[in-house]
Amino acid sequence: MNIQKKNYWIDLLMVLSFFINAISGIIIWLLYSPGGHARSVKFLWVYKYQWKIIHIWSGFLLIIFVLIHILLHKKWIMQMTKNIFLKKPNN
């Protein structure tokens, strides 16, 4: 698989895990009171504890995909950092 396809798939998985994490977090925040015992309440056929599991695992996946993304772009990040911080002023 060429580098462009790897980047595409990693970025797509990163975005999907971000949206799953964000949506599950909003659902937990809006629909379930903090410390409440709403285990029997379902939203979109999913219980509160299941939303929490979805939220946690999508967060772990997001971290993994971000780390892979950074590793794939390590050379570019290093070069841009050098260009920005070691830039000589124009005389």
N, C-alpha and C. Protein backbone atom coordinates (compact mmCIF):
# COMPACT_ATOMS: atom_id res chain seq x y z
N MET A 1 0.86 -1.17 0.00
CA MET A 1 0.00 0.00 0.00
C MET A 1 0.90 1.24 0.00
N ASN A 2 0.62 2.18 -0.88
CA ASN A 2 1.46 3.37 -0.94
C ASN A 2 1.15 4.33 0.22
N ILE A 3 2.02 5.30 0.41
CA ILE A 3 1.93 6.19 1.57
C ILE A 3 0.66 7.04 1.55
N GLN A 4 0.19 7.44 0.36
CA GLN A 4 -1.03 8.24 0.29
C GLN A 4 -2.24 7.44 0.77
N LYS A 5 -2.30 6.17 0.41
CA LYS A 5 -3.42 5.34 0.86
C LYS A 5 -3.35 5.09 2.36
N LYS A 6 -2.16 4.89 2.88
CA LYS A 6 -2.00 4.72 4.34
C LYS A 6 -2.48 5.97 5.06
N ASN A 7 -2.04 7.13 4.58
CA ASN A 7 -2.47 8.39 5.20
C ASN A 7 -3.98 8.55 5.14
N TYR A 8 -4.56 8.21 3.99
CA TYR A 8 -6.01 8.34 3.83
C TYR A 8 -6.74 7.48 4.85
N TRP A 9 -6.36 6.20 4.98
CA TRP A 9 -7.06 5.29 5.88
C TRP A 9 -6.85 5.67 7.34
N ILE A 10 -5.64 6.05 7.70
CA ILE A 10 -5.40 6.48 9.08
C ILE A 10 -6.21 7.73 9.39
N ASP A 11 -6.20 8.71 8.48
CA ASP A 11 -6.96 9.94 8.70
C ASP A 11 -8.46 9.67 8.77
N LEU A 12 -8.97 8.80 7.92
CA LEU A 12 -10.39 8.46 7.93
C LEU A 12 -10.77 7.79 9.26
N LEU A 13 -9.97 6.83 9.70
CA LEU A 13 -10.24 6.16 10.96
C LEU A 13 -10.13 7.12 12.14
N MET A 14 -9.19 8.06 12.05
CA MET A 14 -9.03 9.05 13.10
C MET A 14 -10.27 9.95 13.18
N VAL A 15 -10.77 10.39 12.05
CA VAL A 15 -11.96 11.24 12.03
C VAL A 15 -13.19 10.48 12.51
N LEU A 16 -13.35 9.24 12.08
CA LEU A 16 -14.50 8.44 12.52
C LEU A 16 -14.46 8.20 14.02
N SER A 17 -13.30 7.86 14.56
CA SER A 17 -13.21 7.63 16.01
C SER A 17 -13.44 8.94 16.77
N PHE A 18 -13.00 10.07 16.20
CA PHE A 18 -13.27 11.36 16.84
C PHE A 18 -14.77 11.64 16.91
N PHE A 19 -15.48 11.44 15.80
CA PHE A 19 -16.91 11.73 15.79
C PHE A 19 -17.69 10.77 16.70
N ILE A 20 -17.32 9.50 16.72
CA ILE A 20 -17.96 8.55 17.63
C ILE A 20 -17.72 8.98 19.07
N ASN A 21 -16.49 9.38 19.39
CA ASN A 21 -16.16 9.82 20.73
C ASN A 21 -16.92 11.08 21.10
N ALA A 22 -16.96 12.04 20.20
CA ALA A 22 -17.65 13.31 20.47
C ALA A 22 -19.16 13.09 20.64
N ILE A 23 -19.76 12.32 19.77
CA ILE A 23 -21.21 12.09 19.84
C ILE A 23 -21.57 11.31 21.10
N SER A 24 -20.81 10.26 21.41
CA SER A 24 -21.11 9.50 22.63
C SER A 24 -20.90 10.36 23.88
N GLY A 25 -19.90 11.22 23.87
CA GLY A 25 -19.69 12.13 24.99
C GLY A 25 -20.82 13.11 25.17
N ILE A 26 -21.32 13.64 24.08
CA ILE A 26 -22.46 14.58 24.15
C ILE A 26 -23.71 13.86 24.65
N ILE A 27 -23.93 12.64 24.16
CA ILE A 27 -25.10 11.87 24.61
C ILE A 27 -25.01 11.61 26.11
N ILE A 28 -23.85 11.18 26.58
CA ILE A 28 -23.68 10.91 28.01
C ILE A 28 -23.89 12.20 28.82
N TRP A 29 -23.34 13.29 28.34
CA TRP A 29 -23.42 14.57 29.05
C TRP A 29 -24.85 15.11 29.09
N LEU A 30 -25.55 15.05 27.96
CA LEU A 30 -26.89 15.65 27.88
C LEU A 30 -27.99 14.77 28.47
N LEU A 31 -27.91 13.48 28.30
CA LEU A 31 -29.04 12.62 28.65
C LEU A 31 -28.95 11.95 30.00
N TYR A 32 -27.77 11.87 30.56
CA TYR A 32 -27.62 11.16 31.82
C TYR A 32 -27.02 12.09 32.86
N SER A 33 -27.73 12.24 33.95
CA SER A 33 -27.24 13.14 34.99
C SER A 33 -26.00 12.54 35.66
N PRO A 34 -25.08 13.40 36.11
CA PRO A 34 -23.87 12.90 36.78
C PRO A 34 -24.24 12.12 38.04
N GLY A 35 -23.70 10.94 38.15
CA GLY A 35 -23.96 10.13 39.33
C GLY A 35 -25.33 9.48 39.34
N GLY A 36 -26.11 9.72 38.31
CA GLY A 36 -27.46 9.15 38.26
C GLY A 36 -27.42 7.66 38.01
N HIS A 37 -28.51 7.02 38.36
CA HIS A 37 -28.61 5.57 38.17
C HIS A 37 -29.61 5.28 37.06
N ALA A 38 -29.22 5.65 35.85
CA ALA A 38 -30.10 5.50 34.71
C ALA A 38 -29.71 4.28 33.88
N ARG A 39 -29.37 3.20 34.55
CA ARG A 39 -28.92 2.00 33.84
C ARG A 39 -30.02 1.41 32.96
N SER A 40 -31.27 1.60 33.33
CA SER A 40 -32.35 1.00 32.56
C SER A 40 -32.86 1.93 31.46
N VAL A 41 -32.32 3.14 31.38
CA VAL A 41 -32.75 4.10 30.35
C VAL A 41 -31.91 3.88 29.10
N LYS A 42 -32.62 3.77 27.95
CA LYS A 42 -31.93 3.58 26.68
C LYS A 42 -32.07 4.82 25.83
N PHE A 43 -31.05 5.09 25.03
CA PHE A 43 -31.11 6.11 23.99
C PHE A 43 -30.58 5.47 22.72
N LEU A 44 -31.37 5.48 21.68
CA LEU A 44 -31.04 4.80 20.43
C LEU A 44 -30.71 3.32 20.69
N TRP A 45 -31.51 2.69 21.53
CA TRP A 45 -31.41 1.27 21.85
C TRP A 45 -30.12 0.91 22.58
N VAL A 46 -29.47 1.87 23.20
CA VAL A 46 -28.20 1.63 23.90
C VAL A 46 -28.32 2.17 25.32
N TYR A 47 -27.89 1.35 26.31
CA TYR A 47 -27.91 1.76 27.71
C TYR A 47 -26.75 2.71 28.01
N LYS A 48 -26.86 3.39 29.17
CA LYS A 48 -25.85 4.36 29.59
C LYS A 48 -24.46 3.72 29.69
N TYR A 49 -24.36 2.55 30.33
CA TYR A 49 -23.04 1.93 30.49
C TYR A 49 -22.44 1.54 29.15
N GLN A 50 -23.31 1.20 28.17
CA GLN A 50 -22.82 0.89 26.83
C GLN A 50 -22.30 2.14 26.13
N TRP A 51 -22.98 3.29 26.35
CA TRP A 51 -22.48 4.55 25.79
C TRP A 51 -21.10 4.87 26.36
N LYS A 52 -20.93 4.59 27.66
CA LYS A 52 -19.63 4.86 28.29
C LYS A 52 -18.54 3.96 27.69
N ILE A 53 -18.86 2.70 27.45
CA ILE A 53 -17.89 1.78 26.84
C ILE A 53 -17.53 2.25 25.43
N ILE A 54 -18.54 2.64 24.65
CA ILE A 54 -18.31 3.16 23.30
C ILE A 54 -17.41 4.39 23.37
N HIS A 55 -17.70 5.27 24.33
CA HIS A 55 -16.93 6.50 24.48
C HIS A 55 -15.47 6.21 24.84
N ILE A 56 -15.26 5.32 25.77
CA ILE A 56 -13.89 5.00 26.21
C ILE A 56 -13.10 4.34 25.08
N TRP A 57 -13.67 3.35 24.41
CA TRP A 57 -12.94 2.65 23.36
C TRP A 57 -12.69 3.52 22.13
N SER A 58 -13.65 4.38 21.79
CA SER A 58 -13.40 5.28 20.66
C SER A 58 -12.31 6.29 21.02
N GLY A 59 -12.23 6.66 22.29
CA GLY A 59 -11.15 7.54 22.75
C GLY A 59 -9.79 6.87 22.64
N PHE A 60 -9.71 5.60 23.05
CA PHE A 60 -8.46 4.85 22.91
C PHE A 60 -8.05 4.72 21.44
N LEU A 61 -9.01 4.42 20.59
CA LEU A 61 -8.72 4.31 19.15
C LEU A 61 -8.23 5.64 18.60
N LEU A 62 -8.87 6.72 19.03
CA LEU A 62 -8.46 8.04 18.57
C LEU A 62 -7.01 8.32 18.96
N ILE A 63 -6.64 8.00 20.18
CA ILE A 63 -5.25 8.20 20.62
C ILE A 63 -4.29 7.39 19.76
N ILE A 64 -4.62 6.14 19.50
CA ILE A 64 -3.77 5.28 18.68
C ILE A 64 -3.62 5.84 17.27
N PHE A 65 -4.73 6.25 16.65
CA PHE A 65 -4.66 6.77 15.29
C PHE A 65 -3.92 8.10 15.22
N VAL A 66 -4.05 8.94 16.23
CA VAL A 66 -3.30 10.20 16.26
C VAL A 66 -1.80 9.92 16.37
N LEU A 67 -1.42 8.97 17.22
CA LEU A 67 0.00 8.62 17.35
C LEU A 67 0.55 8.06 16.04
N ILE A 68 -0.21 7.21 15.37
CA ILE A 68 0.22 6.68 14.07
C ILE A 68 0.34 7.81 13.06
N HIS A 69 -0.61 8.72 13.07
CA HIS A 69 -0.59 9.87 12.16
C HIS A 69 0.67 10.71 12.39
N ILE A 70 0.99 10.97 13.65
CA ILE A 70 2.18 11.75 13.96
C ILE A 70 3.44 11.02 13.51
N LEU A 71 3.51 9.71 13.74
CA LEU A 71 4.67 8.93 13.31
C LEU A 71 4.83 8.94 11.78
N LEU A 72 3.72 8.86 11.06
CA LEU A 72 3.78 8.87 9.60
C LEU A 72 4.24 10.23 9.07
N HIS A 73 4.01 11.30 9.84
CA HIS A 73 4.37 12.65 9.40
C HIS A 73 5.54 13.22 10.18
N LYS A 74 6.33 12.34 10.82
CA LYS A 74 7.43 12.78 11.68
C LYS A 74 8.44 13.65 10.93
N LYS A 75 8.83 13.24 9.74
CA LYS A 75 9.82 14.02 8.97
C LYS A 75 9.28 15.41 8.63
N TRP A 76 8.03 15.47 8.22
CA TRP A 76 7.42 16.76 7.86
C TRP A 76 7.35 17.66 9.10
N ILE A 77 6.95 17.10 10.24
CA ILE A 77 6.85 17.88 11.48
C ILE A 77 8.22 18.41 11.89
N MET A 78 9.24 17.56 11.80
CA MET A 78 10.60 17.99 12.16
C MET A 78 11.08 19.10 11.22
N GLN A 79 10.86 18.95 9.94
CA GLN A 79 11.30 19.94 8.97
C GLN A 79 10.59 21.27 9.16
N MET A 80 9.28 21.22 9.37
CA MET A 80 8.53 22.46 9.59
C MET A 80 8.96 23.16 10.87
N THR A 81 9.23 22.38 11.91
CA THR A 81 9.70 22.96 13.17
C THR A 81 11.04 23.67 12.97
N LYS A 82 11.94 23.02 12.23
CA LYS A 82 13.22 23.66 11.93
C LYS A 82 13.03 24.92 11.11
N ASN A 83 12.18 24.86 10.10
CA ASN A 83 11.93 26.04 9.25
C ASN A 83 11.37 27.21 10.03
N ILE A 84 10.49 26.93 10.97
CA ILE A 84 9.84 28.00 11.73
C ILE A 84 10.78 28.59 12.77
N PHE A 85 11.46 27.74 13.53
CA PHE A 85 12.26 28.24 14.66
C PHE A 85 13.70 28.58 14.30
N LEU A 86 14.18 28.08 13.20
CA LEU A 86 15.55 28.39 12.80
C LEU A 86 15.60 29.33 11.60
N LYS A 87 14.49 29.98 11.33
CA LYS A 87 14.40 30.89 10.20
C LYS A 87 15.25 32.13 10.46
N LYS A 88 16.08 32.45 9.47
CA LYS A 88 16.95 33.62 9.60
C LYS A 88 16.16 34.86 9.20
N PRO A 89 16.33 35.96 9.97
CA PRO A 89 15.63 37.20 9.62
C PRO A 89 16.16 37.78 8.31
N ASN A 90 15.26 38.39 7.57
CA ASN A 90 15.66 39.04 6.30
C ASN A 90 16.39 40.34 6.61
N ASN A 91 17.51 40.55 5.93
CA ASN A 91 18.28 41.79 6.12
C ASN A 91 18.07 42.72 4.98
